[in-house]
C-alpha atoms as a PDB file:
ATOM      1  CA  UNK A   1      27.759  10.007 167.022  1.00  0.00           C
ATOM      2  CA  UNK A   2      31.387   9.786 168.005  1.00  0.00           C
ATOM      3  CA  UNK A   3      32.628   6.763 169.931  1.00  0.00           C
ATOM      4  CA  UNK A   4      36.049   6.847 171.496  1.00  0.00           C
ATOM      5  CA  UNK A   5      38.124   4.048 172.987  1.00  0.00           C
ATOM      6  CA  UNK A   6      40.755   5.015 175.561  1.00  0.00           C
ATOM      7  CA  UNK A   7      43.782   2.708 175.827  1.00  0.00           C
ATOM      8  CA  UNK A   8      46.251   4.296 178.163  1.00  0.00           C
ATOM      9  CA  UNK A   9      47.452   7.517 176.591  1.00  0.00           C
ATOM     10  CA  UNK A  10      45.996   6.459 173.176  1.00  0.00           C
ATOM     11  CA  UNK A  11      42.503   7.506 172.159  1.00  0.00           C
ATOM     12  CA  UNK A  12      40.872   5.644 169.219  1.00  0.00           C
ATOM     13  CA  UNK A  13      37.866   6.975 167.305  1.00  0.00           C
ATOM     14  CA  UNK A  14      35.783   3.771 166.879  1.00  0.00           C
ATOM     15  CA  UNK A  15      33.353   5.388 164.449  1.00  0.00           C
ATOM     16  CA  UNK A  16      36.167   6.150 162.000  1.00  0.00           C
ATOM     17  CA  UNK A  17      37.647   2.669 162.471  1.00  0.00           C
ATOM     18  CA  UNK A  18      34.290   1.045 161.698  1.00  0.00           C
ATOM     19  CA  UNK A  19      33.873   3.224 158.597  1.00  0.00           C
ATOM     20  CA  UNK A  20      37.355   2.246 157.422  1.00  0.00           C
ATOM     21  CA  UNK A  21      36.689  -1.485 157.888  1.00  0.00           C
ATOM     22  CA  UNK A  22      33.348  -1.216 156.072  1.00  0.00           C
ATOM     23  CA  UNK A  23      35.050   0.567 153.152  1.00  0.00           C
ATOM     24  CA  UNK A  24      37.769  -2.082 152.900  1.00  0.00           C
ATOM     25  CA  UNK A  25      35.184  -4.885 153.029  1.00  0.00           C
ATOM     26  CA  UNK A  26      33.108  -3.239 150.311  1.00  0.00           C
ATOM     27  CA  UNK A  27      36.222  -2.890 148.137  1.00  0.00           C
ATOM     28  CA  UNK A  28      37.044  -6.597 148.441  1.00  0.00           C
ATOM     29  CA  UNK A  29      33.410  -7.490 147.734  1.00  0.00           C
ATOM     30  CA  UNK A  30      33.439  -5.347 144.597  1.00  0.00           C
ATOM     31  CA  UNK A  31      36.653  -6.999 143.383  1.00  0.00           C
ATOM     32  CA  UNK A  32      35.078 -10.417 143.991  1.00  0.00           C
ATOM     33  CA  UNK A  33      32.053  -9.487 141.871  1.00  0.00           C
ATOM     34  CA  UNK A  34      34.302  -8.283 139.045  1.00  0.00           C
ATOM     35  CA  UNK A  35      36.288 -11.533 139.193  1.00  0.00           C
ATOM     36  CA  UNK A  36      33.146 -13.695 139.122  1.00  0.00           C
ATOM     37  CA  UNK A  37      31.808 -11.693 136.185  1.00  0.00           C
ATOM     38  CA  UNK A  38      35.035 -12.226 134.253  1.00  0.00           C
ATOM     39  CA  UNK A  39      34.988 -15.983 134.951  1.00  0.00           C
ATOM     40  CA  UNK A  40      31.351 -16.403 133.898  1.00  0.00           C
ATOM     41  CA  UNK A  41      31.916 -14.355 130.765  1.00  0.00           C
ATOM     42  CA  UNK A  42      34.874 -16.514 129.732  1.00  0.00           C
ATOM     43  CA  UNK A  43      32.841 -19.684 130.293  1.00  0.00           C
ATOM     44  CA  UNK A  44      29.938 -18.423 128.212  1.00  0.00           C
ATOM     45  CA  UNK A  45      32.208 -17.257 125.462  1.00  0.00           C
ATOM     46  CA  UNK A  46      33.221 -20.839 124.669  1.00  0.00           C
ATOM     47  CA  UNK A  47      35.758 -21.356 121.918  1.00  0.00           C
ATOM     48  CA  UNK A  48      38.153 -18.544 121.155  1.00  0.00           C
ATOM     49  CA  UNK A  49      37.687 -18.092 117.410  1.00  0.00           C
ATOM     50  CA  UNK A  50      39.744 -15.864 115.187  1.00  0.00           C
ATOM     51  CA  UNK A  51      38.015 -14.593 112.062  1.00  0.00           C
ATOM     52  CA  UNK A  52      39.619 -15.541 108.785  1.00  0.00           C
ATOM     53  CA  UNK A  53      40.943 -12.945 106.355  1.00  0.00           C
ATOM     54  CA  UNK A  54      38.913 -14.485 103.536  1.00  0.00           C
ATOM     55  CA  UNK A  55      35.502 -15.941 104.400  1.00  0.00           C
ATOM     56  CA  UNK A  56      34.046 -16.297 100.902  1.00  0.00           C
ATOM     57  CA  UNK A  57      35.922 -19.358  99.690  1.00  0.00           C
ATOM     58  CA  UNK A  58      34.670 -21.373  96.733  1.00  0.00           C
ATOM     59  CA  UNK A  59      34.134 -24.966  97.865  1.00  0.00           C
ATOM     60  CA  UNK A  60      35.153 -26.177  94.420  1.00  0.00           C
ATOM     61  CA  UNK A  61      38.647 -24.811  95.117  1.00  0.00           C
ATOM     62  CA  UNK A  62      38.858 -26.980  98.226  1.00  0.00           C
ATOM     63  CA  UNK A  63      37.640 -30.018  96.291  1.00  0.00           C
ATOM     64  CA  UNK A  64      40.278 -29.365  93.650  1.00  0.00           C
ATOM     65  CA  UNK A  65      43.013 -29.225  96.294  1.00  0.00           C
ATOM     66  CA  UNK A  66      41.807 -32.517  97.774  1.00  0.00           C
ATOM     67  CA  UNK A  67      41.588 -34.182  94.352  1.00  0.00           C
ATOM     68  CA  UNK A  68      45.105 -33.000  93.536  1.00  0.00           C
ATOM     69  CA  UNK A  69      46.429 -34.369  96.841  1.00  0.00           C
ATOM     70  CA  UNK A  70      44.779 -37.732  96.174  1.00  0.00           C
ATOM     71  CA  UNK A  71      46.268 -37.814  92.673  1.00  0.00           C
ATOM     72  CA  UNK A  72      49.733 -37.279  94.174  1.00  0.00           C
ATOM     73  CA  UNK A  73      49.137 -40.127  96.616  1.00  0.00           C
ATOM     74  CA  UNK A  74      48.207 -42.459  93.750  1.00  0.00           C
ATOM     75  CA  UNK A  75      51.671 -41.975  92.244  1.00  0.00           C
ATOM     76  CA  UNK A  76      52.974 -45.482  92.893  1.00  0.00           C
ATOM     77  CA  UNK A  77      56.617 -44.737  92.102  1.00  0.00           C
ATOM     78  CA  UNK A  78      56.782 -41.793  94.500  1.00  0.00           C
ATOM     79  CA  UNK A  79      54.803 -43.679  97.136  1.00  0.00           C
ATOM     80  CA  UNK A  80      57.190 -46.626  96.993  1.00  0.00           C
ATOM     81  CA  UNK A  81      60.234 -44.346  97.003  1.00  0.00           C
ATOM     82  CA  UNK A  82      59.191 -42.292 100.027  1.00  0.00           C
ATOM     83  CA  UNK A  83      57.221 -44.960 101.853  1.00  0.00           C
ATOM     84  CA  UNK A  84      53.476 -45.308 102.346  1.00  0.00           C
ATOM     85  CA  UNK A  85      53.164 -43.704 105.789  1.00  0.00           C
ATOM     86  CA  UNK A  86      55.628 -40.876 105.117  1.00  0.00           C
ATOM     87  CA  UNK A  87      54.077 -40.090 101.739  1.00  0.00           C
ATOM     88  CA  UNK A  88      50.575 -39.998 103.239  1.00  0.00           C
ATOM     89  CA  UNK A  89      51.700 -37.796 106.130  1.00  0.00           C
ATOM     90  CA  UNK A  90      53.480 -35.344 103.829  1.00  0.00           C
ATOM     91  CA  UNK A  91      50.513 -35.009 101.484  1.00  0.00           C
ATOM     92  CA  UNK A  92      48.040 -34.516 104.350  1.00  0.00           C
ATOM     93  CA  UNK A  93      50.273 -31.826 105.870  1.00  0.00           C
ATOM     94  CA  UNK A  94      50.693 -30.045 102.532  1.00  0.00           C
ATOM     95  CA  UNK A  95      46.935 -30.159 101.959  1.00  0.00           C
ATOM     96  CA  UNK A  96      46.327 -28.507 105.336  1.00  0.00           C
ATOM     97  CA  UNK A  97      48.794 -25.740 104.464  1.00  0.00           C
ATOM     98  CA  UNK A  98      47.246 -25.205 101.016  1.00  0.00           C
ATOM     99  CA  UNK A  99      43.750 -24.869 102.493  1.00  0.00           C
ATOM    100  CA  UNK A 100      44.950 -22.507 105.226  1.00  0.00           C
ATOM    101  CA  UNK A 101      46.497 -20.254 102.559  1.00  0.00           C
ATOM    102  CA  UNK A 102      43.059 -19.834 100.992  1.00  0.00           C
ATOM    103  CA  UNK A 103      41.743 -18.307 104.214  1.00  0.00           C
ATOM    104  CA  UNK A 104      44.839 -16.393 105.339  1.00  0.00           C
ATOM    105  CA  UNK A 105      46.584 -15.315 102.112  1.00  0.00           C
ATOM    106  CA  UNK A 106      48.255 -12.373 103.861  1.00  0.00           C
ATOM    107  CA  UNK A 107      49.680 -14.400 106.718  1.00  0.00           C
ATOM    108  CA  UNK A 108      53.312 -15.478 106.728  1.00  0.00           C
ATOM    109  CA  UNK A 109      52.346 -18.668 108.568  1.00  0.00           C
ATOM    110  CA  UNK A 110      48.709 -19.365 107.604  1.00  0.00           C
ATOM    111  CA  UNK A 111      48.773 -22.856 109.086  1.00  0.00           C
ATOM    112  CA  UNK A 112      49.516 -21.324 112.509  1.00  0.00           C
ATOM    113  CA  UNK A 113      46.495 -19.020 112.492  1.00  0.00           C
ATOM    114  CA  UNK A 114      44.349 -21.470 114.431  1.00  0.00           C
ATOM    115  CA  UNK A 115      43.780 -20.944 118.142  1.00  0.00           C
ATOM    116  CA  UNK A 116      44.609 -23.719 120.602  1.00  0.00           C
ATOM    117  CA  UNK A 117      40.906 -24.593 120.830  1.00  0.00           C
ATOM    118  CA  UNK A 118      40.593 -24.836 117.065  1.00  0.00           C
ATOM    119  CA  UNK A 119      43.743 -26.930 116.697  1.00  0.00           C
ATOM    120  CA  UNK A 120      42.559 -29.396 119.329  1.00  0.00           C
ATOM    121  CA  UNK A 121      39.144 -29.649 117.704  1.00  0.00           C
ATOM    122  CA  UNK A 122      40.653 -30.192 114.259  1.00  0.00           C
ATOM    123  CA  UNK A 123      42.774 -33.079 115.547  1.00  0.00           C
ATOM    124  CA  UNK A 124      39.739 -34.449 117.393  1.00  0.00           C
ATOM    125  CA  UNK A 125      37.461 -34.316 114.350  1.00  0.00           C
ATOM    126  CA  UNK A 126      39.997 -35.975 112.052  1.00  0.00           C
ATOM    127  CA  UNK A 127      40.874 -38.802 114.455  1.00  0.00           C
ATOM    128  CA  UNK A 128      37.198 -39.472 115.185  1.00  0.00           C
ATOM    129  CA  UNK A 129      36.375 -39.881 111.500  1.00  0.00           C
ATOM    130  CA  UNK A 130      39.408 -42.080 110.868  1.00  0.00           C
ATOM    131  CA  UNK A 131      38.339 -44.154 113.865  1.00  0.00           C
ATOM    132  CA  UNK A 132      34.937 -44.643 112.234  1.00  0.00           C
ATOM    133  CA  UNK A 133      36.643 -45.587 108.962  1.00  0.00           C
ATOM    134  CA  UNK A 134      38.619 -48.318 110.725  1.00  0.00           C
ATOM    135  CA  UNK A 135      35.628 -49.604 112.683  1.00  0.00           C
ATOM    136  CA  UNK A 136      34.762 -52.131 109.970  1.00  0.00           C
ATOM    137  CA  UNK A 137      34.361 -55.515 111.616  1.00  0.00           C
ATOM    138  CA  UNK A 138      37.155 -57.108 109.571  1.00  0.00           C
ATOM    139  CA  UNK A 139      39.729 -54.379 110.216  1.00  0.00           C
ATOM    140  CA  UNK A 140      38.642 -54.073 113.844  1.00  0.00           C
ATOM    141  CA  UNK A 141      39.433 -57.738 114.486  1.00  0.00           C
ATOM    142  CA  UNK A 142      43.140 -57.197 113.756  1.00  0.00           C
ATOM    143  CA  UNK A 143      43.659 -53.830 115.444  1.00  0.00           C
ATOM    144  CA  UNK A 144      44.227 -55.193 118.935  1.00  0.00           C
ATOM    145  CA  UNK A 145      46.759 -57.805 117.879  1.00  0.00           C
ATOM    146  CA  UNK A 146      50.486 -57.231 118.160  1.00  0.00           C
ATOM    147  CA  UNK A 147      52.694 -58.277 115.259  1.00  0.00           C
ATOM    148  CA  UNK A 148      54.210 -61.005 117.433  1.00  0.00           C
ATOM    149  CA  UNK A 149      50.777 -62.411 118.221  1.00  0.00           C
ATOM    150  CA  UNK A 150      49.757 -62.337 114.553  1.00  0.00           C
ATOM    151  CA  UNK A 151      52.958 -64.206 113.680  1.00  0.00           C
ATOM    152  CA  UNK A 152      52.311 -66.847 116.344  1.00  0.00           C
ATOM    153  CA  UNK A 153      48.729 -67.350 115.205  1.00  0.00           C
ATOM    154  CA  UNK A 154      49.872 -67.572 111.611  1.00  0.00           C
ATOM    155  CA  UNK A 155      52.459 -70.228 112.500  1.00  0.00           C
ATOM    156  CA  UNK A 156      49.803 -72.228 114.357  1.00  0.00           C
ATOM    157  CA  UNK A 157      47.436 -71.961 111.403  1.00  0.00           C
ATOM    158  CA  UNK A 158      50.184 -73.189 109.048  1.00  0.00           C
ATOM    159  CA  UNK A 159      50.877 -76.236 111.222  1.00  0.00           C
ATOM    160  CA  UNK A 160      47.172 -77.078 111.292  1.00  0.00           C
ATOM    161  CA  UNK A 161      46.922 -76.755 107.513  1.00  0.00           C
ATOM    162  CA  UNK A 162      49.824 -79.176 107.083  1.00  0.00           C
ATOM    163  CA  UNK A 163      48.291 -81.770 109.377  1.00  0.00           C
ATOM    164  CA  UNK A 164      47.511 -84.980 107.442  1.00  0.00           C
ATOM    165  CA  UNK A 165      43.966 -85.185 108.800  1.00  0.00           C
ATOM    166  CA  UNK A 166      43.262 -81.645 107.689  1.00  0.00           C
ATOM    167  CA  UNK A 167      44.705 -82.381 104.249  1.00  0.00           C
ATOM    168  CA  UNK A 168      42.459 -85.406 103.958  1.00  0.00           C
ATOM    169  CA  UNK A 169      39.433 -83.413 105.037  1.00  0.00           C
ATOM    170  CA  UNK A 170      40.090 -80.826 102.339  1.00  0.00           C
ATOM    171  CA  UNK A 171      39.306 -83.427  99.713  1.00  0.00           C
ATOM    172  CA  UNK A 172      35.674 -83.082 100.642  1.00  0.00           C
ATOM    173  CA  UNK A 173      35.497 -79.599  99.150  1.00  0.00           C
ATOM    174  CA  UNK A 174      31.843 -78.720  99.617  1.00  0.00           C
ATOM    175  CA  UNK A 175      31.674 -79.688 103.277  1.00  0.00           C
ATOM    176  CA  UNK A 176      35.081 -78.195 103.969  1.00  0.00           C
ATOM    177  CA  UNK A 177      34.313 -74.863 102.312  1.00  0.00           C
ATOM    178  CA  UNK A 178      31.227 -74.420 104.458  1.00  0.00           C
ATOM    179  CA  UNK A 179      33.074 -75.264 107.664  1.00  0.00           C
ATOM    180  CA  UNK A 180      36.111 -73.166 106.772  1.00  0.00           C
ATOM    181  CA  UNK A 181      33.933 -70.187 105.840  1.00  0.00           C
ATOM    182  CA  UNK A 182      32.341 -70.286 109.290  1.00  0.00           C
ATOM    183  CA  UNK A 183      35.722 -70.506 111.040  1.00  0.00           C
ATOM    184  CA  UNK A 184      37.334 -67.830 108.886  1.00  0.00           C
ATOM    185  CA  UNK A 185      34.560 -65.343 109.601  1.00  0.00           C
ATOM    186  CA  UNK A 186      35.813 -65.062 113.190  1.00  0.00           C
ATOM    187  CA  UNK A 187      39.483 -65.788 112.566  1.00  0.00           C
ATOM    188  CA  UNK A 188      41.617 -62.597 112.530  1.00  0.00           C
ATOM    189  CA  UNK A 189      44.634 -64.497 111.197  1.00  0.00           C
ATOM    190  CA  UNK A 190      42.628 -65.500 108.126  1.00  0.00           C
ATOM    191  CA  UNK A 191      41.987 -61.849 107.331  1.00  0.00           C
ATOM    192  CA  UNK A 192      45.583 -60.863 108.086  1.00  0.00           C
ATOM    193  CA  UNK A 193      46.857 -63.505 105.673  1.00  0.00           C
ATOM    194  CA  UNK A 194      44.229 -62.634 103.093  1.00  0.00           C
ATOM    195  CA  UNK A 195      44.921 -58.925 103.239  1.00  0.00           C
ATOM    196  CA  UNK A 196      48.665 -59.411 103.022  1.00  0.00           C
ATOM    197  CA  UNK A 197      48.286 -60.726  99.507  1.00  0.00           C
ATOM    198  CA  UNK A 198      49.944 -58.107  97.333  1.00  0.00           C
ATOM    199  CA  UNK A 199      47.008 -57.121  95.133  1.00  0.00           C
ATOM    200  CA  UNK A 200      44.342 -56.980  97.838  1.00  0.00           C
ATOM    201  CA  UNK A 201      46.641 -55.212 100.288  1.00  0.00           C
ATOM    202  CA  UNK A 202      47.670 -52.533  97.805  1.00  0.00           C
ATOM    203  CA  UNK A 203      44.112 -51.745  96.774  1.00  0.00           C
ATOM    204  CA  UNK A 204      42.826 -51.575 100.339  1.00  0.00           C
ATOM    205  CA  UNK A 205      45.734 -49.508 101.678  1.00  0.00           C
ATOM    206  CA  UNK A 206      45.438 -47.043  98.800  1.00  0.00           C
ATOM    207  CA  UNK A 207      41.714 -46.623  99.464  1.00  0.00           C
ATOM    208  CA  UNK A 208      42.385 -46.021 103.162  1.00  0.00           C
ATOM    209  CA  UNK A 209      45.002 -43.399 102.261  1.00  0.00           C
ATOM    210  CA  UNK A 210      42.627 -41.634  99.855  1.00  0.00           C
ATOM    211  CA  UNK A 211      39.930 -41.589 102.531  1.00  0.00           C
ATOM    212  CA  UNK A 212      42.304 -40.120 105.135  1.00  0.00           C
ATOM    213  CA  UNK A 213      43.350 -37.365 102.708  1.00  0.00           C
ATOM    214  CA  UNK A 214      39.717 -36.502 101.955  1.00  0.00           C
ATOM    215  CA  UNK A 215      38.813 -36.483 105.663  1.00  0.00           C
ATOM    216  CA  UNK A 216      41.784 -34.231 106.460  1.00  0.00           C
ATOM    217  CA  UNK A 217      40.763 -31.803 103.725  1.00  0.00           C
ATOM    218  CA  UNK A 218      37.100 -31.698 104.735  1.00  0.00           C
ATOM    219  CA  UNK A 219      37.750 -31.136 108.431  1.00  0.00           C
ATOM    220  CA  UNK A 220      40.470 -28.554 107.774  1.00  0.00           C
ATOM    221  CA  UNK A 221      38.066 -26.657 105.532  1.00  0.00           C
ATOM    222  CA  UNK A 222      35.416 -26.694 108.266  1.00  0.00           C
ATOM    223  CA  UNK A 223      37.764 -25.365 110.927  1.00  0.00           C
ATOM    224  CA  UNK A 224      39.320 -22.645 108.801  1.00  0.00           C
ATOM    225  CA  UNK A 225      36.021 -21.474 107.353  1.00  0.00           C
ATOM    226  CA  UNK A 226      34.577 -21.253 110.868  1.00  0.00           C
ATOM    227  CA  UNK A 227      31.295 -22.532 109.432  1.00  0.00           C
ATOM    228  CA  UNK A 228      31.457 -25.674 111.524  1.00  0.00           C
ATOM    229  CA  UNK A 229      30.869 -23.646 114.694  1.00  0.00           C
ATOM    230  CA  UNK A 230      27.518 -22.173 113.716  1.00  0.00           C
ATOM    231  CA  UNK A 231      25.979 -23.956 110.732  1.00  0.00           C
ATOM    232  CA  UNK A 232      27.056 -27.487 109.860  1.00  0.00           C
ATOM    233  CA  UNK A 233      28.363 -27.258 106.314  1.00  0.00           C
ATOM    234  CA  UNK A 234      30.033 -30.152 104.567  1.00  0.00           C
ATOM    235  CA  UNK A 235      31.612 -30.737 101.186  1.00  0.00           C
ATOM    236  CA  UNK A 236      31.367 -33.987  99.269  1.00  0.00           C
ATOM    237  CA  UNK A 237      34.831 -35.278  98.438  1.00  0.00           C
ATOM    238  CA  UNK A 238      33.825 -38.895  97.904  1.00  0.00           C
ATOM    239  CA  UNK A 239      34.732 -40.305 101.326  1.00  0.00           C
ATOM    240  CA  UNK A 240      31.539 -42.378 101.459  1.00  0.00           C
ATOM    241  CA  UNK A 241      32.228 -43.799  97.997  1.00  0.00           C
ATOM    242  CA  UNK A 242      35.767 -44.732  99.019  1.00  0.00           C
ATOM    243  CA  UNK A 243      34.452 -46.380 102.186  1.00  0.00           C
ATOM    244  CA  UNK A 244      31.876 -48.387 100.201  1.00  0.00           C
ATOM    245  CA  UNK A 245      34.559 -49.525  97.752  1.00  0.00           C
ATOM    246  CA  UNK A 246      36.786 -50.520 100.667  1.00  0.00           C
ATOM    247  CA  UNK A 247      33.958 -52.563 102.187  1.00  0.00           C
ATOM    248  CA  UNK A 248      33.314 -54.273  98.848  1.00  0.00           C
ATOM    249  CA  UNK A 249      37.016 -55.093  98.491  1.00  0.00           C
ATOM    250  CA  UNK A 250      37.031 -56.715 101.928  1.00  0.00           C
ATOM    251  CA  UNK A 251      33.890 -58.715 101.183  1.00  0.00           C
ATOM    252  CA  UNK A 252      35.269 -59.807  97.816  1.00  0.00           C
ATOM    253  CA  UNK A 253      38.508 -60.909  99.450  1.00  0.00           C
ATOM    254  CA  UNK A 254      36.498 -63.037 101.856  1.00  0.00           C
ATOM    255  CA  UNK A 255      34.470 -64.666  99.093  1.00  0.00           C
ATOM    256  CA  UNK A 256      37.579 -65.553  97.094  1.00  0.00           C
ATOM    257  CA  UNK A 257      39.309 -67.225 100.033  1.00  0.00           C
END
């Protein structure tokens, strides 16, 4: 059925106009469906993973790399020459590169083979585990204090210790030790002063560094092997043992105070 619309000298075929509008509408609707499909597919796909060149990596090789990195960190002369933080950062970075080479031996920049998603997750996993490491109640007490505040508290504590009444009270050792032990348990300055003793501080800081190196190696291995995204697979590099030793060192330091 043909429908015509007369506007002055112009005659418009309404049936053709309606067909044209329906066709255009259907085209836009089809494009919308394609767009929605693409969006849903990208959401369901999740992380963008890139398969490694080598997927059959011996875990013992990774452990050896981590052990070697920890041995380098234990080098006191080099650590003192470079500086604790710089030395630890350099070793952790080199360990990441060494592990990445195991999975991408053909790549010119193996440490850049991670996608953005993978890189963000690697940083997230490492920082989360280090956060847990530093969640010990003694270390946690000092984390929120600025250096200025620690100094002020330390000065106050020194003045109290030099007070003549306090000196007299210290003569009663048994009673004083019990009271002081109770106060020190919740006194962050006590732990700051205790841990700044050369021997205790060195041991504890070295253990923390060794733990951070092991954590970096483990999490880097997980990301690069891609095993962490389907089956949880871990390697034992002694992080738990280091953490237990660190806890014992802190407890021992408290008992000897």
